[in-house]
């Protein structure tokens, strides 16, 4: 889903203006993509959808290595079943895949800006380990290694296990 991932300077505070702008954009997208379809769409689904985007886009909860369905449902003040259903139905993936997509986008942003080294990247993006990071990166892993640090640098950091 190529929707909002906001590019902005890292700040410690979030403003009501950011939240309002995000909610308006999410509402527009909701109407365009889902509201006219006529299937069992509930108002509460839209609110959870906007809440998920707020938590991911503005609050950047994906940086929390211990983020879980339970933790996010508590932040959104909803139950885990509703949250899981909204993620599956409207984002087209499960929560882990959604969160990892944000982490991967954030990793690319950090590397592009030069604010982080490849070695520090997994922790900086919310991954609990390097193996989780490389697993989530999938085919992008080869691209990142070649583009940002060189294959030789990667092998010095991680050994020759990929030869």
Protein backbone atom coordinates (compact mmCIF):
# COMPACT_ATOMS: atom_id res chain seq x y z
CA UNK A 1 0.00 0.00 0.00
CA UNK A 2 1.65 3.19 -1.19
CA UNK A 3 -0.18 5.65 0.94
CA UNK A 4 1.20 7.91 3.54
CA UNK A 5 4.58 7.05 5.02
CA UNK A 6 5.42 10.60 6.01
CA UNK A 7 8.89 11.94 5.39
CA UNK A 8 9.68 14.42 8.10
CA UNK A 9 12.37 15.51 10.45
CA UNK A 10 12.61 13.40 13.57
CA UNK A 11 10.90 15.23 16.42
CA UNK A 12 10.04 14.18 19.92
CA UNK A 13 6.59 15.69 19.95
CA UNK A 14 3.61 15.13 17.72
CA UNK A 15 1.20 17.91 17.03
CA UNK A 16 -2.56 17.94 16.74
CA UNK A 17 -2.07 19.39 13.26
CA UNK A 18 -0.14 16.27 12.19
CA UNK A 19 -2.88 14.09 13.60
CA UNK A 20 -5.62 16.11 11.89
CA UNK A 21 -3.84 16.04 8.52
CA UNK A 22 -3.25 12.32 8.78
CA UNK A 23 -6.86 11.62 9.75
CA UNK A 24 -8.13 13.69 6.80
CA UNK A 25 -5.85 11.86 4.36
CA UNK A 26 -6.82 8.49 5.84
CA UNK A 27 -10.51 9.39 5.65
CA UNK A 28 -10.13 10.34 1.98
CA UNK A 29 -8.30 7.13 1.23
CA UNK A 30 -10.89 5.13 3.17
CA UNK A 31 -13.72 6.61 1.11
CA UNK A 32 -11.91 6.02 -2.18
CA UNK A 33 -10.82 2.46 -1.50
CA UNK A 34 -13.36 0.90 0.84
CA UNK A 35 -16.54 2.90 1.47
CA UNK A 36 -18.09 2.39 -1.95
CA UNK A 37 -17.55 -1.37 -1.97
CA UNK A 38 -20.72 -2.11 0.03
CA UNK A 39 -19.43 -5.13 1.95
CA UNK A 40 -19.69 -5.29 5.71
CA UNK A 41 -17.79 -2.08 6.42
CA UNK A 42 -18.34 -0.66 9.87
CA UNK A 43 -17.65 2.84 11.18
CA UNK A 44 -15.52 1.33 13.94
CA UNK A 45 -13.29 -0.23 11.26
CA UNK A 46 -12.58 3.22 9.83
CA UNK A 47 -11.70 4.54 13.29
CA UNK A 48 -9.36 1.62 13.97
CA UNK A 49 -7.82 2.08 10.50
CA UNK A 50 -7.11 5.76 11.20
CA UNK A 51 -5.78 4.88 14.66
CA UNK A 52 -3.38 2.33 13.19
CA UNK A 53 -2.07 4.89 10.70
CA UNK A 54 -1.70 7.48 13.46
CA UNK A 55 0.27 5.08 15.65
CA UNK A 56 2.52 4.01 12.77
CA UNK A 57 2.91 7.27 10.87
CA UNK A 58 3.03 9.87 13.61
CA UNK A 59 3.87 8.06 16.84
CA UNK A 60 6.20 5.61 15.04
CA UNK A 61 5.34 2.71 17.34
CA UNK A 62 6.99 0.38 14.83
CA UNK A 63 10.32 1.39 16.42
CA UNK A 64 9.32 -0.52 19.56
CA UNK A 65 10.96 -3.95 19.32
CA UNK A 66 8.31 -5.45 21.60
CA UNK A 67 5.31 -4.14 19.64
CA UNK A 68 2.59 -6.77 19.55
CA UNK A 69 -1.06 -7.13 18.65
CA UNK A 70 -1.92 -6.83 22.34
CA UNK A 71 0.17 -3.70 22.85
CA UNK A 72 -1.20 -1.95 19.76
CA UNK A 73 -4.78 -2.88 20.63
CA UNK A 74 -4.26 -1.29 24.05
CA UNK A 75 -2.92 1.89 22.43
CA UNK A 76 -5.97 1.99 20.16
CA UNK A 77 -8.36 1.09 22.97
CA UNK A 78 -9.87 -1.77 21.00
CA UNK A 79 -9.73 -5.53 21.24
CA UNK A 80 -7.19 -7.71 19.49
CA UNK A 81 -9.78 -9.39 17.26
CA UNK A 82 -11.08 -6.10 15.83
CA UNK A 83 -7.54 -4.84 15.30
CA UNK A 84 -6.42 -8.04 13.59
CA UNK A 85 -9.49 -8.06 11.35
CA UNK A 86 -8.95 -4.44 10.27
CA UNK A 87 -5.27 -5.04 9.50
CA UNK A 88 -6.04 -8.20 7.53
CA UNK A 89 -9.00 -6.78 5.64
CA UNK A 90 -7.91 -3.22 4.87
CA UNK A 91 -4.11 -3.45 4.76
CA UNK A 92 -4.07 -6.85 3.07
CA UNK A 93 -1.52 -8.41 5.41
CA UNK A 94 -1.05 -9.39 9.04
CA UNK A 95 0.22 -7.05 11.74
CA UNK A 96 3.79 -8.37 11.63
CA UNK A 97 3.99 -7.76 7.87
CA UNK A 98 2.51 -4.27 8.25
CA UNK A 99 4.89 -3.27 11.03
CA UNK A 100 7.87 -4.73 9.18
CA UNK A 101 6.94 -2.77 6.05
CA UNK A 102 7.18 0.42 8.10
CA UNK A 103 10.48 -0.71 9.57
CA UNK A 104 11.88 -1.44 6.11
CA UNK A 105 10.76 1.96 4.77
CA UNK A 106 12.31 3.63 7.80
CA UNK A 107 15.55 1.67 7.25
CA UNK A 108 15.70 2.87 3.65
CA UNK A 109 15.08 6.43 4.82
CA UNK A 110 17.88 6.20 7.41
CA UNK A 111 20.32 4.78 4.89
CA UNK A 112 19.42 7.33 2.22
CA UNK A 113 19.97 10.17 4.65
CA UNK A 114 23.22 8.74 6.00
CA UNK A 115 21.95 8.92 9.58
CA UNK A 116 22.72 5.30 10.34
CA UNK A 117 25.27 2.64 9.48
CA UNK A 118 24.27 -0.78 8.19
CA UNK A 119 25.53 -2.33 11.41
CA UNK A 120 23.28 -0.15 13.61
CA UNK A 121 20.30 -0.32 11.28
CA UNK A 122 18.33 -3.26 12.76
CA UNK A 123 18.12 -1.72 16.24
CA UNK A 124 17.44 1.76 14.89
CA UNK A 125 14.44 0.48 12.93
CA UNK A 126 12.73 -1.52 15.66
CA UNK A 127 13.93 -5.00 14.79
CA UNK A 128 14.80 -7.18 17.76
CA UNK A 129 17.75 -8.79 15.96
CA UNK A 130 19.82 -8.63 12.80
CA UNK A 131 18.33 -11.91 11.60
CA UNK A 132 14.79 -10.52 11.92
CA UNK A 133 15.92 -7.45 10.00
CA UNK A 134 17.47 -9.43 7.14
CA UNK A 135 14.50 -11.75 7.02
CA UNK A 136 12.10 -8.80 6.70
CA UNK A 137 14.29 -7.19 4.07
CA UNK A 138 14.00 -10.30 1.88
CA UNK A 139 15.15 -9.56 -1.67
CA UNK A 140 15.93 -5.96 -0.69
CA UNK A 141 18.74 -7.36 1.44
CA UNK A 142 20.98 -7.87 -1.61
CA UNK A 143 20.08 -4.41 -2.93
CA UNK A 144 20.93 -2.75 0.37
CA UNK A 145 24.23 -4.55 0.75
CA UNK A 146 25.31 -3.69 -2.79
CA UNK A 147 24.06 -0.13 -2.71
CA UNK A 148 25.03 1.11 0.71
CA UNK A 149 28.00 -0.71 2.12
CA UNK A 150 29.43 -2.96 -0.55
CA UNK A 151 29.45 -6.73 -0.47
CA UNK A 152 32.93 -6.83 1.06
CA UNK A 153 31.82 -4.63 3.96
CA UNK A 154 28.81 -6.84 4.55
CA UNK A 155 30.94 -9.98 4.68
CA UNK A 156 33.34 -8.35 7.15
CA UNK A 157 30.37 -7.55 9.42
CA UNK A 158 28.47 -10.82 9.07
CA UNK A 159 30.87 -13.48 7.82
CA UNK A 160 30.81 -15.32 4.49
CA UNK A 161 27.63 -17.29 5.14
CA UNK A 162 25.95 -15.82 2.02
CA UNK A 163 28.58 -16.87 -0.54
